[in-house]
Amino acid sequence: RRGGPSSLKCALEAARGEPGEYALGGLADDFRVERMQGNRLYEHAGVQYVGGELIIRVFGSEK
């Protein structure tokens, strides 16, 4: 389901914060998903899932 309340998209949007707010709970200025790689089957607790690795660039300045 695309964009549902428990989707990765919603989690990333929440981590980004509202316009004008810092991302990741104030730990970064912003971030951007660069790419997804390593698409394969992953197993957790005996259940297989299709997944991949997200490469995320985080932007910030020293505080």
Protein backbone atom coordinates (compact mmCIF):
# COMPACT_ATOMS: atom_id res chain seq x y z
CA ARG A 1 0.00 0.00 0.00
CA ARG A 2 1.55 3.26 -1.08
CA GLY A 3 1.65 6.02 1.51
CA GLY A 4 -0.36 4.23 4.19
CA PRO A 5 0.05 5.27 7.84
CA SER A 6 2.65 2.56 8.50
CA SER A 7 4.54 3.03 5.22
CA LEU A 8 8.21 3.88 4.85
CA LYS A 9 7.14 7.04 3.00
CA CYS A 10 5.20 8.28 6.05
CA ALA A 11 8.07 7.41 8.39
CA LEU A 12 10.55 9.38 6.27
CA GLU A 13 8.20 12.37 6.01
CA ALA A 14 7.76 12.38 9.80
CA ALA A 15 11.54 12.18 10.33
CA ARG A 16 11.98 15.14 8.03
CA GLY A 17 9.77 17.38 10.17
CA GLU A 18 7.54 20.26 9.21
CA PRO A 19 8.76 23.04 6.88
CA GLY A 20 11.24 25.21 8.76
CA GLU A 21 11.98 22.51 11.37
CA TYR A 22 15.13 20.47 11.68
CA ALA A 23 15.05 16.86 10.53
CA LEU A 24 15.62 13.73 12.62
CA GLY A 25 14.37 15.32 15.83
CA GLY A 26 16.69 18.31 15.51
CA LEU A 27 19.84 16.32 14.73
CA ALA A 28 20.12 17.37 11.07
CA ASP A 29 19.18 20.24 8.78
CA ASP A 30 17.66 17.89 6.20
CA PHE A 31 18.15 14.55 4.46
CA ARG A 32 17.56 13.07 1.04
CA VAL A 33 17.08 9.47 -0.08
CA GLU A 34 19.80 8.99 -2.68
CA ARG A 35 18.97 5.50 -3.90
CA MET A 36 17.78 2.03 -3.02
CA GLN A 37 20.00 -0.98 -3.59
CA GLY A 38 20.38 -4.59 -2.56
CA ASN A 39 16.83 -5.65 -3.40
CA ARG A 40 16.39 -9.19 -2.12
CA LEU A 41 14.48 -11.42 0.25
CA TYR A 42 15.16 -10.83 3.95
CA GLU A 43 14.11 -13.17 6.73
CA HIS A 44 12.96 -11.99 10.16
CA ALA A 45 11.45 -14.26 12.82
CA GLY A 46 10.96 -17.00 10.25
CA VAL A 47 9.07 -14.78 7.80
CA GLN A 48 10.49 -13.67 4.44
CA TYR A 49 10.13 -10.07 3.27
CA VAL A 50 11.15 -8.29 0.08
CA GLY A 51 13.40 -5.41 1.02
CA GLY A 52 16.37 -3.29 0.14
CA GLU A 53 18.97 -0.93 1.51
CA LEU A 54 18.27 2.81 1.46
CA ILE A 55 21.20 5.17 0.95
CA ILE A 56 20.33 8.43 2.72
CA ARG A 57 22.41 11.63 2.64
CA VAL A 58 22.10 13.71 5.80
CA PHE A 59 22.77 17.47 5.73
CA GLY A 60 23.80 19.48 8.75
CA SER A 61 26.19 21.96 10.20
CA GLU A 62 28.24 21.90 13.37
CA LYS A 63 26.34 23.36 16.29
